[in-house]
Amino acid sequence: MRTTRLREKIKKFLDERGQANTTEILEHVNSTMRHGTTPQQLGNVLSKDKDIRKIATTKRGGALSGRYEICVWTLREDERNPGLQG
């Protein structure tokens, strides 16, 4: 799979933070991975991965583009800390 390392990086970040919006995840991935990712690829990974779920949307204000909504993501409960389950 092409996006395996990206998925692992996102899941680790969400496990540490609990939840994060799309912009925060994009900034983290692009600052910690050598080649980073595009917003389009990140959106596809977040929406299609069964272990990650969208919990809310939040409004963001841009200087030129007005206000827009971005998604807030978290890990599914059964995916969180999988080593702690018996």
PDB file of N, CA and C in Angstrom:
ATOM      1  N   MET A   1       0.847  -1.184   0.000  1.00  0.00           N
ATOM      2  CA  MET A   1       0.000   0.000   0.000  1.00  0.00           C
ATOM      3  C   MET A   1       0.892   1.247   0.000  1.00  0.00           C
ATOM      4  N   ARG A   2       0.524   2.195  -0.789  1.00  0.00           N
ATOM      5  CA  ARG A   2       1.296   3.414  -0.958  1.00  0.00           C
ATOM      6  C   ARG A   2       1.345   4.299   0.282  1.00  0.00           C
ATOM      7  N   THR A   3       0.283   4.304   1.038  1.00  0.00           N
ATOM      8  CA  THR A   3       0.161   5.277   2.128  1.00  0.00           C
ATOM      9  C   THR A   3       0.382   4.656   3.509  1.00  0.00           C
ATOM     10  N   THR A   4       1.047   3.514   3.583  1.00  0.00           N
ATOM     11  CA  THR A   4       1.205   2.815   4.861  1.00  0.00           C
ATOM     12  C   THR A   4       1.940   3.670   5.888  1.00  0.00           C
ATOM     13  N   ARG A   5       3.083   4.247   5.512  1.00  0.00           N
ATOM     14  CA  ARG A   5       3.845   5.048   6.474  1.00  0.00           C
ATOM     15  C   ARG A   5       3.077   6.299   6.886  1.00  0.00           C
ATOM     16  N   LEU A   6       2.361   6.889   5.939  1.00  0.00           N
ATOM     17  CA  LEU A   6       1.545   8.063   6.241  1.00  0.00           C
ATOM     18  C   LEU A   6       0.446   7.699   7.238  1.00  0.00           C
ATOM     19  N   ARG A   7      -0.223   6.575   7.026  1.00  0.00           N
ATOM     20  CA  ARG A   7      -1.281   6.123   7.938  1.00  0.00           C
ATOM     21  C   ARG A   7      -0.734   5.877   9.341  1.00  0.00           C
ATOM     22  N   GLU A   8       0.426   5.230   9.427  1.00  0.00           N
ATOM     23  CA  GLU A   8       1.033   4.958  10.734  1.00  0.00           C
ATOM     24  C   GLU A   8       1.379   6.258  11.456  1.00  0.00           C
ATOM     25  N   LYS A   9       1.914   7.219  10.728  1.00  0.00           N
ATOM     26  CA  LYS A   9       2.285   8.510  11.313  1.00  0.00           C
ATOM     27  C   LYS A   9       1.048   9.240  11.841  1.00  0.00           C
ATOM     28  N   ILE A  10      -0.034   9.223  11.077  1.00  0.00           N
ATOM     29  CA  ILE A  10      -1.277   9.883  11.484  1.00  0.00           C
ATOM     30  C   ILE A  10      -1.855   9.210  12.722  1.00  0.00           C
ATOM     31  N   LYS A  11      -1.880   7.877  12.733  1.00  0.00           N
ATOM     32  CA  LYS A  11      -2.447   7.147  13.871  1.00  0.00           C
ATOM     33  C   LYS A  11      -1.644   7.387  15.145  1.00  0.00           C
ATOM     34  N   LYS A  12      -0.329   7.420  15.028  1.00  0.00           N
ATOM     35  CA  LYS A  12       0.507   7.693  16.203  1.00  0.00           C
ATOM     36  C   LYS A  12       0.239   9.107  16.727  1.00  0.00           C
ATOM     37  N   PHE A  13       0.137  10.075  15.824  1.00  0.00           N
ATOM     38  CA  PHE A  13      -0.136  11.463  16.203  1.00  0.00           C
ATOM     39  C   PHE A  13      -1.489  11.581  16.901  1.00  0.00           C
ATOM     40  N   LEU A  14      -2.518  10.936  16.352  1.00  0.00           N
ATOM     41  CA  LEU A  14      -3.851  10.993  16.961  1.00  0.00           C
ATOM     42  C   LEU A  14      -3.897  10.245  18.287  1.00  0.00           C
ATOM     43  N   ASP A  15      -3.116   9.181  18.417  1.00  0.00           N
ATOM     44  CA  ASP A  15      -3.072   8.449  19.683  1.00  0.00           C
ATOM     45  C   ASP A  15      -2.474   9.324  20.783  1.00  0.00           C
ATOM     46  N   GLU A  16      -1.463  10.126  20.436  1.00  0.00           N
ATOM     47  CA  GLU A  16      -0.830  11.018  21.413  1.00  0.00           C
ATOM     48  C   GLU A  16      -1.710  12.219  21.731  1.00  0.00           C
ATOM     49  N   ARG A  17      -2.358  12.787  20.722  1.00  0.00           N
ATOM     50  CA  ARG A  17      -3.143  14.017  20.905  1.00  0.00           C
ATOM     51  C   ARG A  17      -4.598  13.786  21.280  1.00  0.00           C
ATOM     52  N   GLY A  18      -5.134  12.638  20.938  1.00  0.00           N
ATOM     53  CA  GLY A  18      -6.548  12.385  21.177  1.00  0.00           C
ATOM     54  C   GLY A  18      -7.386  12.782  19.979  1.00  0.00           C
ATOM     55  N   GLN A  19      -7.307  14.044  19.581  1.00  0.00           N
ATOM     56  CA  GLN A  19      -8.018  14.519  18.394  1.00  0.00           C
ATOM     57  C   GLN A  19      -7.239  15.673  17.791  1.00  0.00           C
ATOM     58  N   ALA A  20      -7.432  15.886  16.507  1.00  0.00           N
ATOM     59  CA  ALA A  20      -6.760  16.984  15.806  1.00  0.00           C
ATOM     60  C   ALA A  20      -7.543  17.289  14.540  1.00  0.00           C
ATOM     61  N   ASN A  21      -7.449  18.542  14.093  1.00  0.00           N
ATOM     62  CA  ASN A  21      -8.132  18.878  12.846  1.00  0.00           C
ATOM     63  C   ASN A  21      -7.209  18.591  11.659  1.00  0.00           C
ATOM     64  N   THR A  22      -7.765  18.683  10.479  1.00  0.00           N
ATOM     65  CA  THR A  22      -7.039  18.322   9.266  1.00  0.00           C
ATOM     66  C   THR A  22      -5.783  19.171   9.094  1.00  0.00           C
ATOM     67  N   THR A  23      -5.861  20.448   9.391  1.00  0.00           N
ATOM     68  CA  THR A  23      -4.710  21.338   9.238  1.00  0.00           C
ATOM     69  C   THR A  23      -3.580  20.963  10.192  1.00  0.00           C
ATOM     70  N   GLU A  24      -3.908  20.654  11.439  1.00  0.00           N
ATOM     71  CA  GLU A  24      -2.891  20.249  12.413  1.00  0.00           C
ATOM     72  C   GLU A  24      -2.204  18.954  11.983  1.00  0.00           C
ATOM     73  N   ILE A  25      -2.984  18.011  11.478  1.00  0.00           N
ATOM     74  CA  ILE A  25      -2.413  16.745  11.011  1.00  0.00           C
ATOM     75  C   ILE A  25      -1.503  16.992   9.818  1.00  0.00           C
ATOM     76  N   LEU A  26      -1.942  17.822   8.880  1.00  0.00           N
ATOM     77  CA  LEU A  26      -1.135  18.133   7.698  1.00  0.00           C
ATOM     78  C   LEU A  26       0.183  18.796   8.091  1.00  0.00           C
ATOM     79  N   GLU A  27       0.145  19.752   9.008  1.00  0.00           N
ATOM     80  CA  GLU A  27       1.370  20.423   9.451  1.00  0.00           C
ATOM     81  C   GLU A  27       2.316  19.442  10.129  1.00  0.00           C
ATOM     82  N   HIS A  28       1.776  18.548  10.962  1.00  0.00           N
ATOM     83  CA  HIS A  28       2.611  17.558  11.645  1.00  0.00           C
ATOM     84  C   HIS A  28       3.280  16.622  10.638  1.00  0.00           C
ATOM     85  N   VAL A  29       2.497  16.095   9.711  1.00  0.00           N
ATOM     86  CA  VAL A  29       3.036  15.158   8.722  1.00  0.00           C
ATOM     87  C   VAL A  29       4.102  15.837   7.868  1.00  0.00           C
ATOM     88  N   ASN A  30       3.834  17.047   7.402  1.00  0.00           N
ATOM     89  CA  ASN A  30       4.784  17.729   6.526  1.00  0.00           C
ATOM     90  C   ASN A  30       6.038  18.195   7.256  1.00  0.00           C
ATOM     91  N   SER A  31       5.966  18.372   8.569  1.00  0.00           N
ATOM     92  CA  SER A  31       7.158  18.797   9.303  1.00  0.00           C
ATOM     93  C   SER A  31       7.984  17.612   9.800  1.00  0.00           C
ATOM     94  N   THR A  32       7.404  16.418   9.851  1.00  0.00           N
ATOM     95  CA  THR A  32       8.143  15.271  10.384  1.00  0.00           C
ATOM     96  C   THR A  32       8.521  14.238   9.326  1.00  0.00           C
ATOM     97  N   MET A  33       7.886  14.263   8.179  1.00  0.00           N
ATOM     98  CA  MET A  33       8.235  13.318   7.112  1.00  0.00           C
ATOM     99  C   MET A  33       9.035  14.036   6.037  1.00  0.00           C
ATOM    100  N   ARG A  34       9.932  13.317   5.431  1.00  0.00           N
ATOM    101  CA  ARG A  34      10.828  13.923   4.461  1.00  0.00           C
ATOM    102  C   ARG A  34      10.088  14.518   3.262  1.00  0.00           C
ATOM    103  N   HIS A  35       9.136  13.775   2.721  1.00  0.00           N
ATOM    104  CA  HIS A  35       8.438  14.257   1.526  1.00  0.00           C
ATOM    105  C   HIS A  35       7.052  14.808   1.820  1.00  0.00           C
ATOM    106  N   GLY A  36       6.521  14.537   2.989  1.00  0.00           N
ATOM    107  CA  GLY A  36       5.227  15.094   3.363  1.00  0.00           C
ATOM    108  C   GLY A  36       4.097  14.549   2.508  1.00  0.00           C
ATOM    109  N   THR A  37       3.015  15.292   2.447  1.00  0.00           N
ATOM    110  CA  THR A  37       1.840  14.875   1.686  1.00  0.00           C
ATOM    111  C   THR A  37       1.075  16.108   1.219  1.00  0.00           C
ATOM    112  N   THR A  38       0.118  15.892   0.352  1.00  0.00           N
ATOM    113  CA  THR A  38      -0.737  16.980  -0.118  1.00  0.00           C
ATOM    114  C   THR A  38      -2.037  16.966   0.679  1.00  0.00           C
ATOM    115  N   PRO A  39      -2.737  18.090   0.740  1.00  0.00           N
ATOM    116  CA  PRO A  39      -4.033  18.095   1.431  1.00  0.00           C
ATOM    117  C   PRO A  39      -5.029  17.098   0.830  1.00  0.00           C
ATOM    118  N   GLN A  40      -4.990  16.907  -0.479  1.00  0.00           N
ATOM    119  CA  GLN A  40      -5.908  15.970  -1.123  1.00  0.00           C
ATOM    120  C   GLN A  40      -5.621  14.537  -0.695  1.00  0.00           C
ATOM    121  N   GLN A  41      -4.344  14.158  -0.682  1.00  0.00           N
ATOM    122  CA  GLN A  41      -3.988  12.798  -0.277  1.00  0.00           C
ATOM    123  C   GLN A  41      -4.319  12.575   1.192  1.00  0.00           C
ATOM    124  N   LEU A  42      -4.047  13.568   2.030  1.00  0.00           N
ATOM    125  CA  LEU A  42      -4.365  13.450   3.449  1.00  0.00           C
ATOM    126  C   LEU A  42      -5.866  13.272   3.653  1.00  0.00           C
ATOM    127  N   GLY A  43      -6.666  14.051   2.956  1.00  0.00           N
ATOM    128  CA  GLY A  43      -8.117  13.920   3.066  1.00  0.00           C
ATOM    129  C   GLY A  43      -8.603  12.538   2.672  1.00  0.00           C
ATOM    130  N   ASN A  44      -8.030  11.973   1.620  1.00  0.00           N
ATOM    131  CA  ASN A  44      -8.405  10.624   1.198  1.00  0.00           C
ATOM    132  C   ASN A  44      -8.035   9.593   2.251  1.00  0.00           C
ATOM    133  N   VAL A  45      -6.833   9.694   2.803  1.00  0.00           N
ATOM    134  CA  VAL A  45      -6.396   8.740   3.826  1.00  0.00           C
ATOM    135  C   VAL A  45      -7.287   8.835   5.058  1.00  0.00           C
ATOM    136  N   LEU A  46      -7.560  10.054   5.515  1.00  0.00           N
ATOM    137  CA  LEU A  46      -8.374  10.233   6.715  1.00  0.00           C
ATOM    138  C   LEU A  46      -9.790   9.709   6.518  1.00  0.00           C
ATOM    139  N   SER A  47     -10.379   9.963   5.381  1.00  0.00           N
ATOM    140  CA  SER A  47     -11.774   9.569   5.174  1.00  0.00           C
ATOM    141  C   SER A  47     -11.935   8.086   4.876  1.00  0.00           C
ATOM    142  N   LYS A  48     -10.915   7.441   4.317  1.00  0.00           N
ATOM    143  CA  LYS A  48     -11.055   6.045   3.912  1.00  0.00           C
ATOM    144  C   LYS A  48     -10.497   5.051   4.926  1.00  0.00           C
ATOM    145  N   ASP A  49      -9.687   5.496   5.882  1.00  0.00           N
ATOM    146  CA  ASP A  49      -9.107   4.578   6.864  1.00  0.00           C
ATOM    147  C   ASP A  49     -10.164   4.193   7.895  1.00  0.00           C
ATOM    148  N   LYS A  50     -10.343   2.889   8.106  1.00  0.00           N
ATOM    149  CA  LYS A  50     -11.395   2.414   9.015  1.00  0.00           C
ATOM    150  C   LYS A  50     -11.069   2.674  10.481  1.00  0.00           C
ATOM    151  N   ASP A  51      -9.810   2.926  10.822  1.00  0.00           N
ATOM    152  CA  ASP A  51      -9.416   3.154  12.210  1.00  0.00           C
ATOM    153  C   ASP A  51      -9.542   4.612  12.632  1.00  0.00           C
ATOM    154  N   ILE A  52      -9.779   5.503  11.682  1.00  0.00           N
ATOM    155  CA  ILE A  52      -9.878   6.938  11.958  1.00  0.00           C
ATOM    156  C   ILE A  52     -11.309   7.377  11.676  1.00  0.00           C
ATOM    157  N   ARG A  53     -11.861   8.200  12.569  1.00  0.00           N
ATOM    158  CA  ARG A  53     -13.221   8.678  12.323  1.00  0.00           C
ATOM    159  C   ARG A  53     -13.309  10.182  12.526  1.00  0.00           C
ATOM    160  N   LYS A  54     -14.236  10.787  11.801  1.00  0.00           N
ATOM    161  CA  LYS A  54     -14.495  12.224  11.906  1.00  0.00           C
ATOM    162  C   LYS A  54     -15.475  12.432  13.044  1.00  0.00           C
ATOM    163  N   ILE A  55     -15.133  13.332  13.986  1.00  0.00           N
ATOM    164  CA  ILE A  55     -16.011  13.537  15.138  1.00  0.00           C
ATOM    165  C   ILE A  55     -16.719  14.880  15.103  1.00  0.00           C
ATOM    166  N   ALA A  56     -16.200  15.831  14.339  1.00  0.00           N
ATOM    167  CA  ALA A  56     -16.819  17.161  14.321  1.00  0.00           C
ATOM    168  C   ALA A  56     -16.257  17.966  13.157  1.00  0.00           C
ATOM    169  N   THR A  57     -16.822  19.140  12.973  1.00  0.00           N
ATOM    170  CA  THR A  57     -16.244  20.127  12.070  1.00  0.00           C
ATOM    171  C   THR A  57     -16.102  21.425  12.852  1.00  0.00           C
ATOM    172  N   THR A  58     -15.128  22.206  12.473  1.00  0.00           N
ATOM    173  CA  THR A  58     -14.910  23.488  13.123  1.00  0.00           C
ATOM    174  C   THR A  58     -14.765  24.551  12.047  1.00  0.00           C
ATOM    175  N   LYS A  59     -15.189  25.755  12.345  1.00  0.00           N
ATOM    176  CA  LYS A  59     -15.107  26.848  11.369  1.00  0.00           C
ATOM    177  C   LYS A  59     -13.759  27.536  11.497  1.00  0.00           C
ATOM    178  N   ARG A  60     -13.178  27.853  10.343  1.00  0.00           N
ATOM    179  CA  ARG A  60     -11.909  28.550  10.271  1.00  0.00           C
ATOM    180  C   ARG A  60     -12.104  29.807   9.456  1.00  0.00           C
ATOM    181  N   GLY A  61     -11.438  30.866   9.816  1.00  0.00           N
ATOM    182  CA  GLY A  61     -11.528  32.107   9.058  1.00  0.00           C
ATOM    183  C   GLY A  61     -10.253  32.362   8.292  1.00  0.00           C
ATOM    184  N   GLY A  62     -10.367  32.567   6.996  1.00  0.00           N
ATOM    185  CA  GLY A  62      -9.223  32.884   6.168  1.00  0.00           C
ATOM    186  C   GLY A  62      -9.244  34.355   5.797  1.00  0.00           C
ATOM    187  N   ALA A  63      -8.080  34.927   5.556  1.00  0.00           N
ATOM    188  CA  ALA A  63      -7.997  36.349   5.231  1.00  0.00           C
ATOM    189  C   ALA A  63      -8.669  36.661   3.892  1.00  0.00           C
ATOM    190  N   LEU A  64      -8.450  35.809   2.918  1.00  0.00           N
ATOM    191  CA  LEU A  64      -9.001  36.065   1.585  1.00  0.00           C
ATOM    192  C   LEU A  64     -10.235  35.228   1.276  1.00  0.00           C
ATOM    193  N   SER A  65     -10.302  34.045   1.853  1.00  0.00           N
ATOM    194  CA  SER A  65     -11.357  33.117   1.439  1.00  0.00           C
ATOM    195  C   SER A  65     -12.579  33.123   2.348  1.00  0.00           C
ATOM    196  N   GLY A  66     -12.621  33.968   3.341  1.00  0.00           N
ATOM    197  CA  GLY A  66     -13.771  33.998   4.242  1.00  0.00           C
ATOM    198  C   GLY A  66     -13.707  32.877   5.261  1.00  0.00           C
ATOM    199  N   ARG A  67     -14.881  32.384   5.659  1.00  0.00           N
ATOM    200  CA  ARG A  67     -14.934  31.305   6.646  1.00  0.00           C
ATOM    201  C   ARG A  67     -15.205  29.974   5.955  1.00  0.00           C
ATOM    202  N   TYR A  68     -14.555  28.926   6.468  1.00  0.00           N
ATOM    203  CA  TYR A  68     -14.770  27.594   5.916  1.00  0.00           C
ATOM    204  C   TYR A  68     -14.681  26.576   7.043  1.00  0.00           C
ATOM    205  N   GLU A  69     -15.185  25.382   6.794  1.00  0.00           N
ATOM    206  CA  GLU A  69     -15.198  24.330   7.801  1.00  0.00           C
ATOM    207  C   GLU A  69     -14.058  23.357   7.559  1.00  0.00           C
ATOM    208  N   ILE A  70     -13.426  22.900   8.648  1.00  0.00           N
ATOM    209  CA  ILE A  70     -12.458  21.817   8.561  1.00  0.00           C
ATOM    210  C   ILE A  70     -12.868  20.729   9.544  1.00  0.00           C
ATOM    211  N   CYS A  71     -12.495  19.505   9.246  1.00  0.00           N
ATOM    212  CA  CYS A  71     -12.919  18.347  10.037  1.00  0.00           C
ATOM    213  C   CYS A  71     -11.980  18.113  11.210  1.00  0.00           C
ATOM    214  N   VAL A  72     -12.539  17.558  12.281  1.00  0.00           N
ATOM    215  CA  VAL A  72     -11.771  17.137  13.449  1.00  0.00           C
ATOM    216  C   VAL A  72     -11.801  15.612  13.468  1.00  0.00           C
ATOM    217  N   TRP A  73     -10.623  14.993  13.659  1.00  0.00           N
ATOM    218  CA  TRP A  73     -10.469  13.547  13.544  1.00  0.00           C
ATOM    219  C   TRP A  73      -9.969  12.946  14.849  1.00  0.00           C
ATOM    220  N   THR A  74     -10.301  11.678  15.071  1.00  0.00           N
ATOM    221  CA  THR A  74      -9.795  10.920  16.208  1.00  0.00           C
ATOM    222  C   THR A  74      -9.712   9.456  15.811  1.00  0.00           C
ATOM    223  N   LEU A  75      -9.031   8.660  16.647  1.00  0.00           N
ATOM    224  CA  LEU A  75      -8.996   7.220  16.417  1.00  0.00           C
ATOM    225  C   LEU A  75     -10.273   6.593  16.946  1.00  0.00           C
ATOM    226  N   ARG A  76     -10.688   5.507  16.342  1.00  0.00           N
ATOM    227  CA  ARG A  76     -11.821   4.754  16.884  1.00  0.00           C
ATOM    228  C   ARG A  76     -11.409   4.193  18.239  1.00  0.00           C
ATOM    229  N   GLU A  77     -12.367   4.002  19.119  1.00  0.00           N
ATOM    230  CA  GLU A  77     -12.079   3.560  20.487  1.00  0.00           C
ATOM    231  C   GLU A  77     -11.335   2.235  20.527  1.00  0.00           C
ATOM    232  N   ASP A  78     -11.697   1.285  19.670  1.00  0.00           N
ATOM    233  CA  ASP A  78     -11.033  -0.016  19.692  1.00  0.00           C
ATOM    234  C   ASP A  78      -9.611   0.048  19.147  1.00  0.00           C
ATOM    235  N   GLU A  79      -9.242   1.122  18.452  1.00  0.00           N
ATOM    236  CA  GLU A  79      -7.897   1.278  17.908  1.00  0.00           C
ATOM    237  C   GLU A  79      -6.967   1.979  18.897  1.00  0.00           C
ATOM    238  N   ARG A  80      -7.508   2.718  19.833  1.00  0.00           N
ATOM    239  CA  ARG A  80      -6.724   3.484  20.787  1.00  0.00           C
ATOM    240  C   ARG A  80      -6.005   2.555  21.760  1.00  0.00           C
ATOM    241  N   ASN A  81      -4.689   2.700  21.898  1.00  0.00           N
ATOM    242  CA  ASN A  81      -3.860   1.894  22.794  1.00  0.00           C
ATOM    243  C   ASN A  81      -4.136   0.401  22.648  1.00  0.00           C
ATOM    244  N   PRO A  82      -3.900  -0.187  21.469  1.00  0.00           N
ATOM    245  CA  PRO A  82      -4.235  -1.590  21.262  1.00  0.00           C
ATOM    246  C   PRO A  82      -3.417  -2.540  22.132  1.00  0.00           C
ATOM    247  N   GLY A  83      -2.254  -2.127  22.610  1.00  0.00           N
ATOM    248  CA  GLY A  83      -1.433  -2.987  23.455  1.00  0.00           C
ATOM    249  C   GLY A  83      -1.986  -3.161  24.852  1.00  0.00           C
ATOM    250  N   LEU A  84      -2.925  -2.328  25.278  1.00  0.00           N
ATOM    251  CA  LEU A  84      -3.460  -2.400  26.634  1.00  0.00           C
ATOM    252  C   LEU A  84      -4.637  -3.355  26.756  1.00  0.00           C
ATOM    253  N   GLN A  85      -5.142  -3.834  25.641  1.00  0.00           N
ATOM    254  CA  GLN A  85      -6.285  -4.740  25.701  1.00  0.00           C
ATOM    255  C   GLN A  85      -5.810  -6.156  25.979  1.00  0.00           C
ATOM    256  N   GLY A  86      -6.632  -6.917  26.718  1.00  0.00           N
ATOM    257  CA  GLY A  86      -6.250  -8.267  27.125  1.00  0.00           C
ATOM    258  C   GLY A  86      -6.541  -9.230  26.091  1.00  0.00           C
TER     259      GLY A  86
END
